[in-house]
Amino acid sequence: MLIVHVNVHVKAEAVDGFIEASRANAAASLTEPGVARFDVVQAVDDPTRFVLVEAYRSEEAAAAHKATDHYATWRDAVAPMMAEPRSSVRFRAVAYPA
């Protein structure tokens, strides 16, 4: 299991658009066989900051996700919304529900 946290900081005026685009991407991502979980969470104390919590069944599934049309649509839609470049941290699951 590979878990990726994508840290995103969007422009204040882009929050609603980012949420809309990210909800669509998350819903489509959950139809991929290699995606175990795909959460979009928003900071309580700063609504312009988000974390995408992506859980993949394998490294190959993570790569396959990046090749989907819905990922490309999301990436291109949110690019102008960014207040700074997004960053990610990759994790290995050590305990998780079956």
Protein backbone atom coordinates (compact mmCIF):
# COMPACT_ATOMS: atom_id res chain seq x y z
CA MET A 1 0.00 0.00 0.00
CA LEU A 2 1.36 3.40 -1.01
CA ILE A 3 -0.15 6.50 0.59
CA VAL A 4 0.52 9.92 -0.89
CA HIS A 5 -0.27 13.20 0.83
CA VAL A 6 -0.47 16.03 -1.70
CA ASN A 7 -0.23 19.43 -0.02
CA VAL A 8 -2.07 22.17 -1.86
CA HIS A 9 -2.33 25.90 -1.23
CA VAL A 10 -4.83 27.65 -3.49
CA LYS A 11 -5.63 31.30 -4.06
CA ALA A 12 -8.47 32.51 -1.83
CA GLU A 13 -10.70 33.31 -4.78
CA ALA A 14 -10.17 29.79 -6.16
CA VAL A 15 -11.27 27.72 -3.15
CA ASP A 16 -14.74 26.85 -4.48
CA GLY A 17 -13.43 25.96 -7.93
CA PHE A 18 -10.68 23.83 -6.45
CA ILE A 19 -13.17 21.94 -4.30
CA GLU A 20 -15.46 21.32 -7.28
CA ALA A 21 -12.63 20.06 -9.51
CA SER A 22 -11.14 17.95 -6.73
CA ARG A 23 -14.45 16.30 -5.83
CA ALA A 24 -14.88 15.25 -9.47
CA ASN A 25 -11.32 13.92 -9.62
CA ALA A 26 -11.71 12.04 -6.33
CA ALA A 27 -14.96 10.41 -7.45
CA ALA A 28 -13.42 9.28 -10.73
CA SER A 29 -10.25 8.13 -8.98
CA LEU A 30 -12.26 5.85 -6.70
CA THR A 31 -13.42 3.91 -9.79
CA GLU A 32 -9.81 2.91 -10.56
CA PRO A 33 -9.09 -0.66 -9.42
CA GLY A 34 -5.74 0.34 -7.89
CA VAL A 35 -7.13 3.17 -5.76
CA ALA A 36 -8.07 2.13 -2.23
CA ARG A 37 -8.89 5.61 -0.94
CA PHE A 38 -8.91 9.18 -2.22
CA ASP A 39 -9.78 11.91 0.29
CA VAL A 40 -9.76 15.66 -0.18
CA VAL A 41 -9.45 17.47 3.16
CA GLN A 42 -9.45 21.20 3.91
CA ALA A 43 -7.65 22.90 6.79
CA VAL A 44 -10.00 24.27 9.43
CA ASP A 45 -7.78 27.24 10.30
CA ASP A 46 -6.89 28.16 6.68
CA PRO A 47 -9.50 27.24 4.06
CA THR A 48 -7.00 27.83 1.24
CA ARG A 49 -4.95 24.78 2.32
CA PHE A 50 -5.85 21.24 1.35
CA VAL A 51 -4.37 17.77 1.54
CA LEU A 52 -5.22 15.05 -0.94
CA VAL A 53 -4.85 11.71 0.84
CA GLU A 54 -4.39 9.08 -1.85
CA ALA A 55 -4.02 5.37 -1.06
CA TYR A 56 -2.86 3.09 -3.87
CA ARG A 57 -2.68 -0.69 -3.87
CA SER A 58 0.74 -0.55 -5.60
CA GLU A 59 3.32 1.75 -7.16
CA GLU A 60 1.92 0.73 -10.55
CA ALA A 61 -1.55 1.88 -9.51
CA ALA A 62 -0.17 5.30 -8.57
CA ALA A 63 1.48 5.57 -11.99
CA ALA A 64 -1.71 4.43 -13.71
CA HIS A 65 -3.66 7.13 -11.89
CA LYS A 66 -1.40 9.82 -13.36
CA ALA A 67 -2.19 8.47 -16.86
CA THR A 68 -5.98 8.88 -16.56
CA ASP A 69 -8.00 11.49 -18.40
CA HIS A 70 -9.66 12.64 -15.18
CA TYR A 71 -6.28 13.32 -13.54
CA ALA A 72 -5.15 15.36 -16.56
CA THR A 73 -8.42 17.30 -16.51
CA TRP A 74 -8.00 18.04 -12.78
CA ARG A 75 -4.32 18.96 -13.13
CA ASP A 76 -4.99 21.41 -15.94
CA ALA A 77 -8.09 22.90 -14.27
CA VAL A 78 -6.41 23.59 -10.92
CA ALA A 79 -3.02 24.77 -12.19
CA PRO A 80 -4.06 28.45 -12.35
CA MET A 81 -5.68 28.18 -8.91
CA MET A 82 -2.42 27.43 -7.10
CA ALA A 83 -1.01 30.01 -4.68
CA GLU A 84 2.24 28.01 -4.71
CA PRO A 85 3.34 24.75 -6.33
CA ARG A 86 1.80 21.67 -4.76
CA SER A 87 4.07 19.19 -3.01
CA SER A 88 3.73 15.58 -1.97
CA VAL A 89 5.03 13.12 0.56
CA ARG A 90 4.92 9.35 -0.03
CA PHE A 91 4.24 6.94 2.83
CA ARG A 92 4.28 3.18 3.25
CA ALA A 93 1.35 1.73 5.18
CA VAL A 94 2.39 -0.14 8.31
CA ALA A 95 -1.08 -0.66 9.84
CA TYR A 96 -4.43 -0.27 8.10
CA PRO A 97 -7.87 -1.88 8.00
CA ALA A 98 -8.16 -4.85 5.65
